[in-house]
Amino acid sequence: SALLARQRMLGQQVQVLRMCYATAQHRTLPEIA
């Protein structure tokens, strides 16, 4: 969903949900795909 927003809605605002706690492990988009 974030990728769609980045490619089709630049210059606009988008609704997001925010975590309470950070995570030390982040995924790349290829991993998620």
PDB file of all heavy atoms in Angstrom:
ATOM      1  N   SER A   1       0.843  -1.199   0.000  1.00  0.00           N
ATOM      2  CA  SER A   1       0.000   0.000   0.000  1.00  0.00           C
ATOM      3  C   SER A   1       0.877   1.247   0.000  1.00  0.00           C
ATOM      4  O   SER A   1       0.593   2.229  -0.711  1.00  0.00           O
ATOM      5  CB  SER A   1      -0.908   0.018   1.235  1.00  0.00           C
ATOM      6  OG  SER A   1      -1.785  -1.069   1.247  1.00  0.00           O
ATOM      7  N   ALA A   2       1.932   1.209   0.804  1.00  0.00           N
ATOM      8  CA  ALA A   2       2.850   2.353   0.851  1.00  0.00           C
ATOM      9  C   ALA A   2       3.518   2.572  -0.498  1.00  0.00           C
ATOM     10  O   ALA A   2       3.709   3.720  -0.932  1.00  0.00           O
ATOM     11  CB  ALA A   2       3.897   2.121   1.942  1.00  0.00           C
ATOM     12  N   LEU A   3       3.866   1.476  -1.188  1.00  0.00           N
ATOM     13  CA  LEU A   3       4.484   1.602  -2.512  1.00  0.00           C
ATOM     14  C   LEU A   3       3.506   2.254  -3.498  1.00  0.00           C
ATOM     15  O   LEU A   3       3.902   3.122  -4.286  1.00  0.00           O
ATOM     16  CB  LEU A   3       4.916   0.232  -3.015  1.00  0.00           C
ATOM     17  CG  LEU A   3       5.526   0.175  -4.419  1.00  0.00           C
ATOM     18  CD1 LEU A   3       6.774   1.051  -4.516  1.00  0.00           C
ATOM     19  CD2 LEU A   3       5.853  -1.259  -4.815  1.00  0.00           C
ATOM     20  N   LEU A   4       2.249   1.851  -3.454  1.00  0.00           N
ATOM     21  CA  LEU A   4       1.253   2.475  -4.319  1.00  0.00           C
ATOM     22  C   LEU A   4       1.157   3.970  -4.048  1.00  0.00           C
ATOM     23  O   LEU A   4       1.081   4.783  -4.977  1.00  0.00           O
ATOM     24  CB  LEU A   4      -0.116   1.826  -4.106  1.00  0.00           C
ATOM     25  CG  LEU A   4      -0.311   0.402  -4.621  1.00  0.00           C
ATOM     26  CD1 LEU A   4      -1.730  -0.068  -4.314  1.00  0.00           C
ATOM     27  CD2 LEU A   4      -0.037   0.308  -6.108  1.00  0.00           C
ATOM     28  N   ALA A   5       1.148   4.336  -2.775  1.00  0.00           N
ATOM     29  CA  ALA A   5       1.069   5.757  -2.429  1.00  0.00           C
ATOM     30  C   ALA A   5       2.284   6.519  -2.946  1.00  0.00           C
ATOM     31  O   ALA A   5       2.161   7.610  -3.509  1.00  0.00           O
ATOM     32  CB  ALA A   5       0.946   5.919  -0.909  1.00  0.00           C
ATOM     33  N   ARG A   6       3.478   5.925  -2.776  1.00  0.00           N
ATOM     34  CA  ARG A   6       4.704   6.594  -3.220  1.00  0.00           C
ATOM     35  C   ARG A   6       4.709   6.819  -4.736  1.00  0.00           C
ATOM     36  O   ARG A   6       5.234   7.820  -5.219  1.00  0.00           O
ATOM     37  CB  ARG A   6       5.928   5.752  -2.853  1.00  0.00           C
ATOM     38  CG  ARG A   6       6.312   5.766  -1.389  1.00  0.00           C
ATOM     39  CD  ARG A   6       7.096   6.986  -0.989  1.00  0.00           C
ATOM     40  NE  ARG A   6       8.246   7.261  -1.837  1.00  0.00           N
ATOM     41  CZ  ARG A   6       9.200   8.116  -1.501  1.00  0.00           C
ATOM     42  NH1 ARG A   6       9.157   8.749  -0.339  1.00  0.00           N
ATOM     43  NH2 ARG A   6      10.206   8.344  -2.311  1.00  0.00           N
ATOM     44  N   GLN A   7       4.117   5.897  -5.470  1.00  0.00           N
ATOM     45  CA  GLN A   7       4.163   5.983  -6.925  1.00  0.00           C
ATOM     46  C   GLN A   7       2.997   6.751  -7.533  1.00  0.00           C
ATOM     47  O   GLN A   7       3.117   7.283  -8.632  1.00  0.00           O
ATOM     48  CB  GLN A   7       4.216   4.572  -7.521  1.00  0.00           C
ATOM     49  CG  GLN A   7       5.473   3.811  -7.169  1.00  0.00           C
ATOM     50  CD  GLN A   7       6.730   4.551  -7.597  1.00  0.00           C
ATOM     51  OE1 GLN A   7       6.796   5.063  -8.708  1.00  0.00           O
ATOM     52  NE2 GLN A   7       7.718   4.615  -6.734  1.00  0.00           N
ATOM     53  N   ARG A   8       1.859   6.825  -6.832  1.00  0.00           N
ATOM     54  CA  ARG A   8       0.676   7.435  -7.431  1.00  0.00           C
ATOM     55  C   ARG A   8       0.166   8.681  -6.706  1.00  0.00           C
ATOM     56  O   ARG A   8      -0.696   9.374  -7.239  1.00  0.00           O
ATOM     57  CB  ARG A   8      -0.454   6.385  -7.460  1.00  0.00           C
ATOM     58  CG  ARG A   8      -0.192   5.213  -8.413  1.00  0.00           C
ATOM     59  CD  ARG A   8      -0.285   5.640  -9.875  1.00  0.00           C
ATOM     60  NE  ARG A   8      -1.603   6.158 -10.172  1.00  0.00           N
ATOM     61  CZ  ARG A   8      -2.632   5.404 -10.580  1.00  0.00           C
ATOM     62  NH1 ARG A   8      -2.462   4.106 -10.787  1.00  0.00           N
ATOM     63  NH2 ARG A   8      -3.805   5.947 -10.814  1.00  0.00           N
ATOM     64  N   MET A   9       0.699   8.963  -5.512  1.00  0.00           N
ATOM     65  CA  MET A   9       0.120  10.050  -4.723  1.00  0.00           C
ATOM     66  C   MET A   9       1.169  11.016  -4.181  1.00  0.00           C
ATOM     67  O   MET A   9       0.950  11.672  -3.169  1.00  0.00           O
ATOM     68  CB  MET A   9      -0.708   9.477  -3.568  1.00  0.00           C
ATOM     69  CG  MET A   9      -1.896   8.641  -4.023  1.00  0.00           C
ATOM     70  SD  MET A   9      -2.820   7.928  -2.640  1.00  0.00           S
ATOM     71  CE  MET A   9      -3.430   9.427  -1.843  1.00  0.00           C
ATOM     72  N   LEU A  10       2.323  11.114  -4.822  1.00  0.00           N
ATOM     73  CA  LEU A  10       3.345  12.051  -4.368  1.00  0.00           C
ATOM     74  C   LEU A  10       2.791  13.476  -4.369  1.00  0.00           C
ATOM     75  O   LEU A  10       2.047  13.864  -5.272  1.00  0.00           O
ATOM     76  CB  LEU A  10       4.584  11.968  -5.256  1.00  0.00           C
ATOM     77  CG  LEU A  10       5.605  10.898  -4.882  1.00  0.00           C
ATOM     78  CD1 LEU A  10       6.774  10.921  -5.858  1.00  0.00           C
ATOM     79  CD2 LEU A  10       6.116  11.079  -3.453  1.00  0.00           C
ATOM     80  N   GLY A  11       3.155  14.228  -3.352  1.00  0.00           N
ATOM     81  CA  GLY A  11       2.641  15.576  -3.197  1.00  0.00           C
ATOM     82  C   GLY A  11       1.346  15.637  -2.414  1.00  0.00           C
ATOM     83  O   GLY A  11       0.830  16.728  -2.151  1.00  0.00           O
ATOM     84  N   GLN A  12       0.824  14.478  -2.024  1.00  0.00           N
ATOM     85  CA  GLN A  12      -0.421  14.414  -1.258  1.00  0.00           C
ATOM     86  C   GLN A  12      -0.154  13.877   0.141  1.00  0.00           C
ATOM     87  O   GLN A  12       0.951  13.443   0.464  1.00  0.00           O
ATOM     88  CB  GLN A  12      -1.431  13.517  -1.979  1.00  0.00           C
ATOM     89  CG  GLN A  12      -1.773  13.975  -3.388  1.00  0.00           C
ATOM     90  CD  GLN A  12      -2.807  13.090  -4.036  1.00  0.00           C
ATOM     91  OE1 GLN A  12      -3.851  12.791  -3.460  1.00  0.00           O
ATOM     92  NE2 GLN A  12      -2.534  12.670  -5.268  1.00  0.00           N
ATOM     93  N   GLN A  13      -1.171  13.924   0.968  1.00  0.00           N
ATOM     94  CA  GLN A  13      -1.119  13.341   2.307  1.00  0.00           C
ATOM     95  C   GLN A  13      -1.753  11.954   2.257  1.00  0.00           C
ATOM     96  O   GLN A  13      -2.676  11.706   1.470  1.00  0.00           O
ATOM     97  CB  GLN A  13      -1.896  14.215   3.296  1.00  0.00           C
ATOM     98  CG  GLN A  13      -1.357  15.623   3.457  1.00  0.00           C
ATOM     99  CD  GLN A  13      -0.431  15.751   4.647  1.00  0.00           C
ATOM    100  OE1 GLN A  13      -0.650  15.173   5.700  1.00  0.00           O
ATOM    101  NE2 GLN A  13       0.626  16.541   4.469  1.00  0.00           N
ATOM    102  N   VAL A  14      -1.267  11.057   3.101  1.00  0.00           N
ATOM    103  CA  VAL A  14      -1.828   9.716   3.162  1.00  0.00           C
ATOM    104  C   VAL A  14      -2.051   9.337   4.628  1.00  0.00           C
ATOM    105  O   VAL A  14      -1.272   9.721   5.501  1.00  0.00           O
ATOM    106  CB  VAL A  14      -0.899   8.691   2.470  1.00  0.00           C
ATOM    107  CG1 VAL A  14       0.433   8.562   3.188  1.00  0.00           C
ATOM    108  CG2 VAL A  14      -1.571   7.334   2.342  1.00  0.00           C
ATOM    109  N   GLN A  15      -3.120   8.595   4.868  1.00  0.00           N
ATOM    110  CA  GLN A  15      -3.391   8.115   6.225  1.00  0.00           C
ATOM    111  C   GLN A  15      -2.462   6.967   6.570  1.00  0.00           C
ATOM    112  O   GLN A  15      -2.282   6.046   5.767  1.00  0.00           O
ATOM    113  CB  GLN A  15      -4.844   7.640   6.335  1.00  0.00           C
ATOM    114  CG  GLN A  15      -5.198   7.085   7.717  1.00  0.00           C
ATOM    115  CD  GLN A  15      -6.647   6.661   7.817  1.00  0.00           C
ATOM    116  OE1 GLN A  15      -7.515   7.420   8.220  1.00  0.00           O
ATOM    117  NE2 GLN A  15      -6.921   5.415   7.444  1.00  0.00           N
ATOM    118  N   VAL A  16      -1.869   7.028   7.759  1.00  0.00           N
ATOM    119  CA  VAL A  16      -1.017   5.947   8.239  1.00  0.00           C
ATOM    120  C   VAL A  16      -1.434   5.592   9.661  1.00  0.00           C
ATOM    121  O   VAL A  16      -2.069   6.388  10.363  1.00  0.00           O
ATOM    122  CB  VAL A  16       0.488   6.323   8.215  1.00  0.00           C
ATOM    123  CG1 VAL A  16       0.951   6.634   6.805  1.00  0.00           C
ATOM    124  CG2 VAL A  16       0.781   7.482   9.167  1.00  0.00           C
ATOM    125  N   LEU A  17      -1.065   4.403  10.066  1.00  0.00           N
ATOM    126  CA  LEU A  17      -1.191   3.962  11.446  1.00  0.00           C
ATOM    127  C   LEU A  17       0.221   3.869  12.005  1.00  0.00           C
ATOM    128  O   LEU A  17       1.145   3.468  11.302  1.00  0.00           O
ATOM    129  CB  LEU A  17      -1.900   2.612  11.514  1.00  0.00           C
ATOM    130  CG  LEU A  17      -3.211   2.512  10.726  1.00  0.00           C
ATOM    131  CD1 LEU A  17      -3.820   1.125  10.877  1.00  0.00           C
ATOM    132  CD2 LEU A  17      -4.195   3.574  11.185  1.00  0.00           C
ATOM    133  N   ARG A  18       0.371   4.231  13.285  1.00  0.00           N
ATOM    134  CA  ARG A  18       1.715   4.309  13.852  1.00  0.00           C
ATOM    135  C   ARG A  18       1.859   3.351  15.030  1.00  0.00           C
ATOM    136  O   ARG A  18       0.979   3.259  15.883  1.00  0.00           O
ATOM    137  CB  ARG A  18       2.027   5.745  14.291  1.00  0.00           C
ATOM    138  CG  ARG A  18       3.514   6.027  14.453  1.00  0.00           C
ATOM    139  CD  ARG A  18       3.781   7.501  14.692  1.00  0.00           C
ATOM    140  NE  ARG A  18       3.592   8.337  13.518  1.00  0.00           N
ATOM    141  CZ  ARG A  18       4.506   8.501  12.576  1.00  0.00           C
ATOM    142  NH1 ARG A  18       5.672   7.871  12.655  1.00  0.00           N
ATOM    143  NH2 ARG A  18       4.270   9.300  11.543  1.00  0.00           N
ATOM    144  N   MET A  19       2.991   2.638  15.049  1.00  0.00           N
ATOM    145  CA  MET A  19       3.296   1.729  16.139  1.00  0.00           C
ATOM    146  C   MET A  19       3.633   2.494  17.423  1.00  0.00           C
ATOM    147  O   MET A  19       4.069   3.652  17.367  1.00  0.00           O
ATOM    148  CB  MET A  19       4.494   0.844  15.761  1.00  0.00           C
ATOM    149  CG  MET A  19       4.286  -0.039  14.540  1.00  0.00           C
ATOM    150  SD  MET A  19       3.150  -1.410  14.823  1.00  0.00           S
ATOM    151  CE  MET A  19       4.117  -2.430  15.942  1.00  0.00           C
ATOM    152  N   CYS A  20       3.442   1.832  18.549  1.00  0.00           N
ATOM    153  CA  CYS A  20       3.850   2.417  19.837  1.00  0.00           C
ATOM    154  C   CYS A  20       5.331   2.184  20.108  1.00  0.00           C
ATOM    155  O   CYS A  20       5.977   2.983  20.783  1.00  0.00           O
ATOM    156  CB  CYS A  20       3.031   1.811  20.980  1.00  0.00           C
ATOM    157  SG  CYS A  20       1.309   2.306  21.002  1.00  0.00           S
ATOM    158  N   TYR A  21       5.856   1.065  19.592  1.00  0.00           N
ATOM    159  CA  TYR A  21       7.233   0.695  19.890  1.00  0.00           C
ATOM    160  C   TYR A  21       8.007   0.449  18.592  1.00  0.00           C
ATOM    161  O   TYR A  21       7.464  -0.072  17.619  1.00  0.00           O
ATOM    162  CB  TYR A  21       7.282  -0.570  20.751  1.00  0.00           C
ATOM    163  CG  TYR A  21       6.476  -0.469  22.010  1.00  0.00           C
ATOM    164  CD1 TYR A  21       5.257  -1.134  22.130  1.00  0.00           C
ATOM    165  CD2 TYR A  21       6.909   0.314  23.080  1.00  0.00           C
ATOM    166  CE1 TYR A  21       4.485  -1.038  23.283  1.00  0.00           C
ATOM    167  CE2 TYR A  21       6.153   0.421  24.240  1.00  0.00           C
ATOM    168  CZ  TYR A  21       4.943  -0.256  24.327  1.00  0.00           C
ATOM    169  OH  TYR A  21       4.192  -0.134  25.477  1.00  0.00           O
ATOM    170  N   ALA A  22       9.279   0.801  18.622  1.00  0.00           N
ATOM    171  CA  ALA A  22      10.140   0.592  17.456  1.00  0.00           C
ATOM    172  C   ALA A  22      10.556  -0.872  17.364  1.00  0.00           C
ATOM    173  O   ALA A  22      10.510  -1.620  18.341  1.00  0.00           O
ATOM    174  CB  ALA A  22      11.377   1.482  17.553  1.00  0.00           C
ATOM    175  N   THR A  23      10.960  -1.275  16.160  1.00  0.00           N
ATOM    176  CA  THR A  23      11.512  -2.606  15.969  1.00  0.00           C
ATOM    177  C   THR A  23      12.936  -2.467  15.444  1.00  0.00           C
ATOM    178  O   THR A  23      13.230  -1.564  14.662  1.00  0.00           O
ATOM    179  CB  THR A  23      10.668  -3.428  14.979  1.00  0.00           C
ATOM    180  OG1 THR A  23      11.319  -4.679  14.731  1.00  0.00           O
ATOM    181  CG2 THR A  23      10.502  -2.696  13.658  1.00  0.00           C
ATOM    182  N   ALA A  24      13.790  -3.364  15.882  1.00  0.00           N
ATOM    183  CA  ALA A  24      15.189  -3.287  15.469  1.00  0.00           C
ATOM    184  C   ALA A  24      15.416  -3.902  14.097  1.00  0.00           C
ATOM    185  O   ALA A  24      16.434  -3.657  13.461  1.00  0.00           O
ATOM    186  CB  ALA A  24      16.071  -3.991  16.504  1.00  0.00           C
ATOM    187  N   GLN A  25      14.470  -4.715  13.630  1.00  0.00           N
ATOM    188  CA  GLN A  25      14.650  -5.433  12.368  1.00  0.00           C
ATOM    189  C   GLN A  25      13.715  -4.857  11.317  1.00  0.00           C
ATOM    190  O   GLN A  25      12.499  -4.892  11.460  1.00  0.00           O
ATOM    191  CB  GLN A  25      14.357  -6.929  12.546  1.00  0.00           C
ATOM    192  CG  GLN A  25      14.601  -7.741  11.290  1.00  0.00           C
ATOM    193  CD  GLN A  25      14.286  -9.206  11.496  1.00  0.00           C
ATOM    194  OE1 GLN A  25      13.824  -9.603  12.553  1.00  0.00           O
ATOM    195  NE2 GLN A  25      14.527 -10.013  10.477  1.00  0.00           N
ATOM    196  N   HIS A  26      14.270  -4.307  10.258  1.00  0.00           N
ATOM    197  CA  HIS A  26      13.478  -3.763   9.171  1.00  0.00           C
ATOM    198  C   HIS A  26      13.625  -4.634   7.928  1.00  0.00           C
ATOM    199  O   HIS A  26      14.675  -5.209   7.682  1.00  0.00           O
ATOM    200  CB  HIS A  26      13.920  -2.335   8.847  1.00  0.00           C
ATOM    201  CG  HIS A  26      13.655  -1.358   9.942  1.00  0.00           C
ATOM    202  ND1 HIS A  26      14.612  -0.987  10.863  1.00  0.00           N
ATOM    203  CD2 HIS A  26      12.527  -0.688  10.282  1.00  0.00           C
ATOM    204  CE1 HIS A  26      14.086  -0.124  11.711  1.00  0.00           C
ATOM    205  NE2 HIS A  26      12.827   0.077  11.382  1.00  0.00           N
ATOM    206  N   ARG A  27      12.541  -4.709   7.156  1.00  0.00           N
ATOM    207  CA  ARG A  27      12.556  -5.476   5.909  1.00  0.00           C
ATOM    208  C   ARG A  27      12.718  -4.525   4.726  1.00  0.00           C
ATOM    209  O   ARG A  27      12.246  -3.393   4.757  1.00  0.00           O
ATOM    210  CB  ARG A  27      11.238  -6.220   5.726  1.00  0.00           C
ATOM    211  CG  ARG A  27      10.732  -6.940   6.942  1.00  0.00           C
ATOM    212  CD  ARG A  27      11.505  -8.197   7.252  1.00  0.00           C
ATOM    213  NE  ARG A  27      10.775  -8.983   8.245  1.00  0.00           N
ATOM    214  CZ  ARG A  27      11.236 -10.070   8.822  1.00  0.00           C
ATOM    215  NH1 ARG A  27      12.440 -10.530   8.510  1.00  0.00           N
ATOM    216  NH2 ARG A  27      10.517 -10.717   9.708  1.00  0.00           N
ATOM    217  N   THR A  28      13.342  -5.018   3.695  1.00  0.00           N
ATOM    218  CA  THR A  28      13.374  -4.271   2.443  1.00  0.00           C
ATOM    219  C   THR A  28      12.135  -4.650   1.624  1.00  0.00           C
ATOM    220  O   THR A  28      11.502  -5.688   1.871  1.00  0.00           O
ATOM    221  CB  THR A  28      14.635  -4.588   1.631  1.00  0.00           C
ATOM    222  OG1 THR A  28      14.601  -5.963   1.246  1.00  0.00           O
ATOM    223  CG2 THR A  28      15.899  -4.301   2.440  1.00  0.00           C
ATOM    224  N   LEU A  29      11.825  -3.836   0.635  1.00  0.00           N
ATOM    225  CA  LEU A  29      10.690  -4.161  -0.228  1.00  0.00           C
ATOM    226  C   LEU A  29      10.857  -5.497  -0.962  1.00  0.00           C
ATOM    227  O   LEU A  29       9.900  -6.254  -1.075  1.00  0.00           O
ATOM    228  CB  LEU A  29      10.468  -3.038  -1.238  1.00  0.00           C
ATOM    229  CG  LEU A  29       9.362  -2.036  -0.906  1.00  0.00           C
ATOM    230  CD1 LEU A  29       9.299  -0.951  -1.961  1.00  0.00           C
ATOM    231  CD2 LEU A  29       8.014  -2.711  -0.768  1.00  0.00           C
ATOM    232  N   PRO A  30      12.042  -5.815  -1.481  1.00  0.00           N
ATOM    233  CA  PRO A  30      12.189  -7.137  -2.100  1.00  0.00           C
ATOM    234  C   PRO A  30      11.879  -8.284  -1.137  1.00  0.00           C
ATOM    235  O   PRO A  30      11.243  -9.270  -1.531  1.00  0.00           O
ATOM    236  CB  PRO A  30      13.659  -7.153  -2.535  1.00  0.00           C
ATOM    237  CG  PRO A  30      13.962  -5.719  -2.818  1.00  0.00           C
ATOM    238  CD  PRO A  30      13.225  -4.959  -1.754  1.00  0.00           C
ATOM    239  N   GLU A  31      12.305  -8.182   0.114  1.00  0.00           N
ATOM    240  CA  GLU A  31      11.982  -9.229   1.094  1.00  0.00           C
ATOM    241  C   GLU A  31      10.481  -9.351   1.284  1.00  0.00           C
ATOM    242  O   GLU A  31       9.930 -10.460   1.355  1.00  0.00           O
ATOM    243  CB  GLU A  31      12.641  -8.919   2.436  1.00  0.00           C
ATOM    244  CG  GLU A  31      14.140  -9.099   2.472  1.00  0.00           C
ATOM    245  CD  GLU A  31      14.719  -8.703   3.812  1.00  0.00           C
ATOM    246  OE1 GLU A  31      14.548  -7.534   4.243  1.00  0.00           O
ATOM    247  OE2 GLU A  31      15.340  -9.564   4.463  1.00  0.00           O
ATOM    248  N   ILE A  32       9.806  -8.207   1.393  1.00  0.00           N
ATOM    249  CA  ILE A  32       8.364  -8.216   1.578  1.00  0.00           C
ATOM    250  C   ILE A  32       7.672  -8.800   0.356  1.00  0.00           C
ATOM    251  O   ILE A  32       6.704  -9.564   0.466  1.00  0.00           O
ATOM    252  CB  ILE A  32       7.854  -6.801   1.882  1.00  0.00           C
ATOM    253  CG1 ILE A  32       8.292  -6.375   3.287  1.00  0.00           C
ATOM    254  CG2 ILE A  32       6.340  -6.716   1.751  1.00  0.00           C
ATOM    255  CD1 ILE A  32       7.718  -7.230   4.414  1.00  0.00           C
ATOM    256  N   ALA A  33       8.140  -8.457  -0.846  1.00  0.00           N
ATOM    257  CA  ALA A  33       7.545  -9.013  -2.062  1.00  0.00           C
ATOM    258  C   ALA A  33       7.702 -10.534  -2.086  1.00  0.00           C
ATOM    259  O   ALA A  33       6.765 -11.266  -2.446  1.00  0.00           O
ATOM    260  CB  ALA A  33       8.191  -8.392  -3.298  1.00  0.00           C
TER     261      ALA A  33
END
